[in-house]
Amino acid sequence: MKKLMVLSILLMISGLAIMAQAPPTPPVNANEGGGGPVGGGGAPIGSGIVLLIALAAGYGGKKIFDVKKKLAE
């Protein structure tokens, strides 16, 4: 129990340290309107959504398979 408490405290402290990072530097020509958004931006999320849907469908299919297998026994 004591190990679990120490581990959870360490995880909370490490989470605070991650959030304490400095913001990214702005682009060189930020006042001119060029260079895109601060921080880079433009992250491709389309393939991530497809991957998430595929994993969810696989997980749901496995759950259905397990339920049908249990009912057959």
PDB file of N, CA and C in Angstrom:
ATOM      1  N   MET A   1       0.830  -1.191   0.000  1.00  0.00           N
ATOM      2  CA  MET A   1       0.000   0.000   0.000  1.00  0.00           C
ATOM      3  C   MET A   1       0.873   1.253   0.000  1.00  0.00           C
ATOM      4  N   LYS A   2       1.969   1.184   0.781  1.00  0.00           N
ATOM      5  CA  LYS A   2       2.854   2.332   0.872  1.00  0.00           C
ATOM      6  C   LYS A   2       3.556   2.581  -0.464  1.00  0.00           C
ATOM      7  N   LYS A   3       3.912   1.490  -1.173  1.00  0.00           N
ATOM      8  CA  LYS A   3       4.562   1.633  -2.469  1.00  0.00           C
ATOM      9  C   LYS A   3       3.616   2.276  -3.481  1.00  0.00           C
ATOM     10  N   LEU A   4       2.349   1.896  -3.421  1.00  0.00           N
ATOM     11  CA  LEU A   4       1.352   2.462  -4.329  1.00  0.00           C
ATOM     12  C   LEU A   4       1.185   3.958  -4.087  1.00  0.00           C
ATOM     13  N   MET A   5       1.184   4.375  -2.832  1.00  0.00           N
ATOM     14  CA  MET A   5       1.033   5.783  -2.498  1.00  0.00           C
ATOM     15  C   MET A   5       2.245   6.581  -2.984  1.00  0.00           C
ATOM     16  N   VAL A   6       3.438   6.050  -2.780  1.00  0.00           N
ATOM     17  CA  VAL A   6       4.649   6.738  -3.228  1.00  0.00           C
ATOM     18  C   VAL A   6       4.665   6.837  -4.754  1.00  0.00           C
ATOM     19  N   LEU A   7       4.283   5.766  -5.429  1.00  0.00           N
ATOM     20  CA  LEU A   7       4.247   5.767  -6.877  1.00  0.00           C
ATOM     21  C   LEU A   7       3.247   6.789  -7.407  1.00  0.00           C
ATOM     22  N   SER A   8       2.073   6.861  -6.809  1.00  0.00           N
ATOM     23  CA  SER A   8       1.067   7.820  -7.278  1.00  0.00           C
ATOM     24  C   SER A   8       1.527   9.256  -7.042  1.00  0.00           C
ATOM     25  N   ILE A   9       2.201   9.518  -5.943  1.00  0.00           N
ATOM     26  CA  ILE A   9       2.716  10.868  -5.681  1.00  0.00           C
ATOM     27  C   ILE A   9       3.781  11.232  -6.704  1.00  0.00           C
ATOM     28  N   LEU A  10       4.666  10.297  -7.016  1.00  0.00           N
ATOM     29  CA  LEU A  10       5.704  10.562  -8.016  1.00  0.00           C
ATOM     30  C   LEU A  10       5.105  10.825  -9.393  1.00  0.00           C
ATOM     31  N   LEU A  11       4.061  10.089  -9.752  1.00  0.00           N
ATOM     32  CA  LEU A  11       3.417  10.306 -11.044  1.00  0.00           C
ATOM     33  C   LEU A  11       2.741  11.675 -11.108  1.00  0.00           C
ATOM     34  N   MET A  12       2.143  12.109 -10.006  1.00  0.00           N
ATOM     35  CA  MET A  12       1.509  13.428  -9.993  1.00  0.00           C
ATOM     36  C   MET A  12       2.548  14.535 -10.110  1.00  0.00           C
ATOM     37  N   ILE A  13       3.668  14.385  -9.425  1.00  0.00           N
ATOM     38  CA  ILE A  13       4.721  15.398  -9.490  1.00  0.00           C
ATOM     39  C   ILE A  13       5.313  15.460 -10.887  1.00  0.00           C
ATOM     40  N   SER A  14       5.514  14.306 -11.525  1.00  0.00           N
ATOM     41  CA  SER A  14       6.078  14.314 -12.876  1.00  0.00           C
ATOM     42  C   SER A  14       5.098  14.960 -13.855  1.00  0.00           C
ATOM     43  N   GLY A  15       3.812  14.787 -13.643  1.00  0.00           N
ATOM     44  CA  GLY A  15       2.818  15.433 -14.496  1.00  0.00           C
ATOM     45  C   GLY A  15       2.874  16.947 -14.379  1.00  0.00           C
ATOM     46  N   LEU A  16       3.115  17.449 -13.186  1.00  0.00           N
ATOM     47  CA  LEU A  16       3.236  18.895 -13.006  1.00  0.00           C
ATOM     48  C   LEU A  16       4.492  19.424 -13.675  1.00  0.00           C
ATOM     49  N   ALA A  17       5.568  18.653 -13.647  1.00  0.00           N
ATOM     50  CA  ALA A  17       6.818  19.087 -14.271  1.00  0.00           C
ATOM     51  C   ALA A  17       6.661  19.165 -15.789  1.00  0.00           C
ATOM     52  N   ILE A  18       5.894  18.281 -16.373  1.00  0.00           N
ATOM     53  CA  ILE A  18       5.684  18.309 -17.815  1.00  0.00           C
ATOM     54  C   ILE A  18       4.884  19.542 -18.219  1.00  0.00           C
ATOM     55  N   MET A  19       3.912  19.923 -17.422  1.00  0.00           N
ATOM     56  CA  MET A  19       3.077  21.076 -17.742  1.00  0.00           C
ATOM     57  C   MET A  19       3.825  22.396 -17.541  1.00  0.00           C
ATOM     58  N   ALA A  20       4.985  22.383 -16.886  1.00  0.00           N
ATOM     59  CA  ALA A  20       5.712  23.608 -16.577  1.00  0.00           C
ATOM     60  C   ALA A  20       6.704  23.988 -17.662  1.00  0.00           C
ATOM     61  N   GLN A  21       6.590  23.428 -18.851  1.00  0.00           N
ATOM     62  CA  GLN A  21       7.524  23.754 -19.919  1.00  0.00           C
ATOM     63  C   GLN A  21       7.178  25.097 -20.539  1.00  0.00           C
ATOM     64  N   ALA A  22       8.197  25.749 -21.089  1.00  0.00           N
ATOM     65  CA  ALA A  22       8.018  27.053 -21.715  1.00  0.00           C
ATOM     66  C   ALA A  22       7.279  26.900 -23.045  1.00  0.00           C
ATOM     67  N   PRO A  23       6.518  27.923 -23.458  1.00  0.00           N
ATOM     68  CA  PRO A  23       5.821  27.850 -24.742  1.00  0.00           C
ATOM     69  C   PRO A  23       6.826  27.897 -25.893  1.00  0.00           C
ATOM     70  N   PRO A  24       6.439  27.446 -27.073  1.00  0.00           N
ATOM     71  CA  PRO A  24       7.362  27.473 -28.214  1.00  0.00           C
ATOM     72  C   PRO A  24       7.622  28.899 -28.679  1.00  0.00           C
ATOM     73  N   THR A  25       8.747  29.093 -29.336  1.00  0.00           N
ATOM     74  CA  THR A  25       9.086  30.423 -29.842  1.00  0.00           C
ATOM     75  C   THR A  25       8.214  30.747 -31.054  1.00  0.00           C
ATOM     76  N   PRO A  26       7.814  32.003 -31.207  1.00  0.00           N
ATOM     77  CA  PRO A  26       6.977  32.374 -32.352  1.00  0.00           C
ATOM     78  C   PRO A  26       7.795  32.366 -33.644  1.00  0.00           C
ATOM     79  N   PRO A  27       7.134  32.285 -34.785  1.00  0.00           N
ATOM     80  CA  PRO A  27       7.848  32.334 -36.064  1.00  0.00           C
ATOM     81  C   PRO A  27       8.547  33.683 -36.256  1.00  0.00           C
ATOM     82  N   VAL A  28       9.526  33.706 -37.124  1.00  0.00           N
ATOM     83  CA  VAL A  28      10.303  34.916 -37.346  1.00  0.00           C
ATOM     84  C   VAL A  28       9.429  36.042 -37.894  1.00  0.00           C
ATOM     85  N   ASN A  29       8.572  35.749 -38.822  1.00  0.00           N
ATOM     86  CA  ASN A  29       7.749  36.784 -39.454  1.00  0.00           C
ATOM     87  C   ASN A  29       6.307  36.719 -38.955  1.00  0.00           C
ATOM     88  N   ALA A  30       6.104  36.610 -37.660  1.00  0.00           N
ATOM     89  CA  ALA A  30       4.750  36.497 -37.104  1.00  0.00           C
ATOM     90  C   ALA A  30       3.934  37.773 -37.324  1.00  0.00           C
ATOM     91  N   ASN A  31       4.588  38.930 -37.326  1.00  0.00           N
ATOM     92  CA  ASN A  31       3.852  40.191 -37.504  1.00  0.00           C
ATOM     93  C   ASN A  31       3.383  40.383 -38.936  1.00  0.00           C
ATOM     94  N   GLU A  32       4.020  39.722 -39.873  1.00  0.00           N
ATOM     95  CA  GLU A  32       3.637  39.855 -41.271  1.00  0.00           C
ATOM     96  C   GLU A  32       2.514  38.901 -41.663  1.00  0.00           C
ATOM     97  N   GLY A  33       2.128  38.012 -40.775  1.00  0.00           N
ATOM     98  CA  GLY A  33       1.042  37.100 -41.051  1.00  0.00           C
ATOM     99  C   GLY A  33       1.476  35.811 -41.712  1.00  0.00           C
ATOM    100  N   GLY A  34       2.743  35.615 -41.919  1.00  0.00           N
ATOM    101  CA  GLY A  34       3.220  34.398 -42.569  1.00  0.00           C
ATOM    102  C   GLY A  34       3.780  33.412 -41.562  1.00  0.00           C
ATOM    103  N   GLY A  35       4.164  32.259 -42.053  1.00  0.00           N
ATOM    104  CA  GLY A  35       4.819  31.292 -41.189  1.00  0.00           C
ATOM    105  C   GLY A  35       3.891  30.328 -40.492  1.00  0.00           C
ATOM    106  N   GLY A  36       2.618  30.457 -40.620  1.00  0.00           N
ATOM    107  CA  GLY A  36       1.701  29.522 -39.990  1.00  0.00           C
ATOM    108  C   GLY A  36       1.486  29.806 -38.513  1.00  0.00           C
ATOM    109  N   PRO A  37       0.760  28.961 -37.851  1.00  0.00           N
ATOM    110  CA  PRO A  37       0.448  29.178 -36.440  1.00  0.00           C
ATOM    111  C   PRO A  37       1.671  28.970 -35.547  1.00  0.00           C
ATOM    112  N   VAL A  38       1.628  29.564 -34.372  1.00  0.00           N
ATOM    113  CA  VAL A  38       2.709  29.401 -33.414  1.00  0.00           C
ATOM    114  C   VAL A  38       2.735  27.947 -32.956  1.00  0.00           C
ATOM    115  N   GLY A  39       3.911  27.357 -32.927  1.00  0.00           N
ATOM    116  CA  GLY A  39       4.036  25.974 -32.497  1.00  0.00           C
ATOM    117  C   GLY A  39       4.058  24.995 -33.653  1.00  0.00           C
ATOM    118  N   GLY A  40       3.958  25.450 -34.858  1.00  0.00           N
ATOM    119  CA  GLY A  40       4.036  24.568 -36.013  1.00  0.00           C
ATOM    120  C   GLY A  40       2.678  24.253 -36.599  1.00  0.00           C
ATOM    121  N   GLY A  41       1.823  23.654 -35.819  1.00  0.00           N
ATOM    122  CA  GLY A  41       0.481  23.324 -36.302  1.00  0.00           C
ATOM    123  C   GLY A  41       0.513  22.364 -37.475  1.00  0.00           C
ATOM    124  N   GLY A  42      -0.590  22.168 -38.100  1.00  0.00           N
ATOM    125  CA  GLY A  42      -0.680  21.328 -39.276  1.00  0.00           C
ATOM    126  C   GLY A  42      -0.485  19.851 -38.986  1.00  0.00           C
ATOM    127  N   ALA A  43      -0.845  19.388 -37.813  1.00  0.00           N
ATOM    128  CA  ALA A  43      -0.694  17.970 -37.473  1.00  0.00           C
ATOM    129  C   ALA A  43      -1.737  17.151 -38.224  1.00  0.00           C
ATOM    130  N   PRO A  44      -1.311  16.074 -38.896  1.00  0.00           N
ATOM    131  CA  PRO A  44      -2.273  15.244 -39.617  1.00  0.00           C
ATOM    132  C   PRO A  44      -3.098  14.389 -38.651  1.00  0.00           C
ATOM    133  N   ILE A  45      -4.394  14.657 -38.544  1.00  0.00           N
ATOM    134  CA  ILE A  45      -5.224  13.884 -37.622  1.00  0.00           C
ATOM    135  C   ILE A  45      -6.105  12.880 -38.347  1.00  0.00           C
ATOM    136  N   GLY A  46      -6.153  12.953 -39.667  1.00  0.00           N
ATOM    137  CA  GLY A  46      -7.012  12.059 -40.437  1.00  0.00           C
ATOM    138  C   GLY A  46      -6.642  10.605 -40.252  1.00  0.00           C
ATOM    139  N   SER A  47      -5.357  10.270 -40.360  1.00  0.00           N
ATOM    140  CA  SER A  47      -4.940   8.875 -40.222  1.00  0.00           C
ATOM    141  C   SER A  47      -5.082   8.398 -38.776  1.00  0.00           C
ATOM    142  N   GLY A  48      -4.967   9.302 -37.832  1.00  0.00           N
ATOM    143  CA  GLY A  48      -5.152   8.932 -36.433  1.00  0.00           C
ATOM    144  C   GLY A  48      -6.589   8.552 -36.132  1.00  0.00           C
ATOM    145  N   ILE A  49      -7.516   9.259 -36.743  1.00  0.00           N
ATOM    146  CA  ILE A  49      -8.934   8.950 -36.551  1.00  0.00           C
ATOM    147  C   ILE A  49      -9.262   7.595 -37.155  1.00  0.00           C
ATOM    148  N   VAL A  50      -8.710   7.312 -38.331  1.00  0.00           N
ATOM    149  CA  VAL A  50      -8.937   6.016 -38.974  1.00  0.00           C
ATOM    150  C   VAL A  50      -8.387   4.900 -38.090  1.00  0.00           C
ATOM    151  N   LEU A  51      -7.198   5.103 -37.547  1.00  0.00           N
ATOM    152  CA  LEU A  51      -6.598   4.105 -36.660  1.00  0.00           C
ATOM    153  C   LEU A  51      -7.457   3.899 -35.412  1.00  0.00           C
ATOM    154  N   LEU A  52      -7.956   4.977 -34.826  1.00  0.00           N
ATOM    155  CA  LEU A  52      -8.802   4.878 -33.636  1.00  0.00           C
ATOM    156  C   LEU A  52     -10.085   4.109 -33.931  1.00  0.00           C
ATOM    157  N   ILE A  53     -10.707   4.374 -35.065  1.00  0.00           N
ATOM    158  CA  ILE A  53     -11.939   3.665 -35.440  1.00  0.00           C
ATOM    159  C   ILE A  53     -11.657   2.189 -35.677  1.00  0.00           C
ATOM    160  N   ALA A  54     -10.531   1.885 -36.333  1.00  0.00           N
ATOM    161  CA  ALA A  54     -10.169   0.487 -36.595  1.00  0.00           C
ATOM    162  C   ALA A  54      -9.915  -0.272 -35.295  1.00  0.00           C
ATOM    163  N   LEU A  55      -9.223   0.346 -34.364  1.00  0.00           N
ATOM    164  CA  LEU A  55      -8.969  -0.307 -33.082  1.00  0.00           C
ATOM    165  C   LEU A  55     -10.258  -0.504 -32.290  1.00  0.00           C
ATOM    166  N   ALA A  56     -11.152   0.484 -32.323  1.00  0.00           N
ATOM    167  CA  ALA A  56     -12.424   0.367 -31.620  1.00  0.00           C
ATOM    168  C   ALA A  56     -13.274  -0.745 -32.233  1.00  0.00           C
ATOM    169  N   ALA A  57     -13.274  -0.850 -33.558  1.00  0.00           N
ATOM    170  CA  ALA A  57     -14.036  -1.916 -34.215  1.00  0.00           C
ATOM    171  C   ALA A  57     -13.463  -3.283 -33.873  1.00  0.00           C
ATOM    172  N   GLY A  58     -12.147  -3.391 -33.840  1.00  0.00           N
ATOM    173  CA  GLY A  58     -11.514  -4.660 -33.460  1.00  0.00           C
ATOM    174  C   GLY A  58     -11.831  -5.052 -32.030  1.00  0.00           C
ATOM    175  N   TYR A  59     -11.793  -4.077 -31.126  1.00  0.00           N
ATOM    176  CA  TYR A  59     -12.110  -4.347 -29.723  1.00  0.00           C
ATOM    177  C   TYR A  59     -13.570  -4.759 -29.567  1.00  0.00           C
ATOM    178  N   GLY A  60     -14.463  -4.068 -30.245  1.00  0.00           N
ATOM    179  CA  GLY A  60     -15.882  -4.419 -30.189  1.00  0.00           C
ATOM    180  C   GLY A  60     -16.140  -5.795 -30.774  1.00  0.00           C
ATOM    181  N   GLY A  61     -15.454  -6.122 -31.866  1.00  0.00           N
ATOM    182  CA  GLY A  61     -15.601  -7.451 -32.465  1.00  0.00           C
ATOM    183  C   GLY A  61     -15.123  -8.556 -31.534  1.00  0.00           C
ATOM    184  N   LYS A  62     -14.039  -8.301 -30.833  1.00  0.00           N
ATOM    185  CA  LYS A  62     -13.530  -9.293 -29.878  1.00  0.00           C
ATOM    186  C   LYS A  62     -14.517  -9.492 -28.728  1.00  0.00           C
ATOM    187  N   LYS A  63     -15.089  -8.397 -28.234  1.00  0.00           N
ATOM    188  CA  LYS A  63     -16.059  -8.507 -27.149  1.00  0.00           C
ATOM    189  C   LYS A  63     -17.285  -9.310 -27.599  1.00  0.00           C
ATOM    190  N   ILE A  64     -17.769  -9.062 -28.802  1.00  0.00           N
ATOM    191  CA  ILE A  64     -18.916  -9.812 -29.326  1.00  0.00           C
ATOM    192  C   ILE A  64     -18.567 -11.286 -29.477  1.00  0.00           C
ATOM    193  N   PHE A  65     -17.376 -11.566 -29.996  1.00  0.00           N
ATOM    194  CA  PHE A  65     -16.921 -12.943 -30.155  1.00  0.00           C
ATOM    195  C   PHE A  65     -16.856 -13.661 -28.812  1.00  0.00           C
ATOM    196  N   ASP A  66     -16.326 -12.974 -27.780  1.00  0.00           N
ATOM    197  CA  ASP A  66     -16.230 -13.579 -26.450  1.00  0.00           C
ATOM    198  C   ASP A  66     -17.609 -13.876 -25.861  1.00  0.00           C
ATOM    199  N   VAL A  67     -18.567 -12.964 -26.066  1.00  0.00           N
ATOM    200  CA  VAL A  67     -19.914 -13.173 -25.538  1.00  0.00           C
ATOM    201  C   VAL A  67     -20.586 -14.346 -26.245  1.00  0.00           C
ATOM    202  N   LYS A  68     -20.447 -14.421 -27.570  1.00  0.00           N
ATOM    203  CA  LYS A  68     -21.055 -15.538 -28.312  1.00  0.00           C
ATOM    204  C   LYS A  68     -20.420 -16.873 -27.928  1.00  0.00           C
ATOM    205  N   LYS A  69     -19.109 -16.850 -27.693  1.00  0.00           N
ATOM    206  CA  LYS A  69     -18.405 -18.064 -27.282  1.00  0.00           C
ATOM    207  C   LYS A  69     -18.872 -18.516 -25.901  1.00  0.00           C
ATOM    208  N   LYS A  70     -19.073 -17.564 -25.005  1.00  0.00           N
ATOM    209  CA  LYS A  70     -19.536 -17.899 -23.659  1.00  0.00           C
ATOM    210  C   LYS A  70     -20.964 -18.434 -23.684  1.00  0.00           C
ATOM    211  N   LEU A  71     -21.827 -17.879 -24.539  1.00  0.00           N
ATOM    212  CA  LEU A  71     -23.209 -18.366 -24.642  1.00  0.00           C
ATOM    213  C   LEU A  71     -23.266 -19.762 -25.249  1.00  0.00           C
ATOM    214  N   ALA A  72     -22.326 -20.096 -26.110  1.00  0.00           N
ATOM    215  CA  ALA A  72     -22.321 -21.404 -26.758  1.00  0.00           C
ATOM    216  C   ALA A  72     -21.924 -22.517 -25.793  1.00  0.00           C
ATOM    217  N   GLU A  73     -21.198 -22.168 -24.746  1.00  0.00           N
ATOM    218  CA  GLU A  73     -20.745 -23.199 -23.778  1.00  0.00           C
ATOM    219  C   GLU A  73     -21.836 -23.698 -22.907  1.00  0.00           C
TER     220      GLU A  73
END
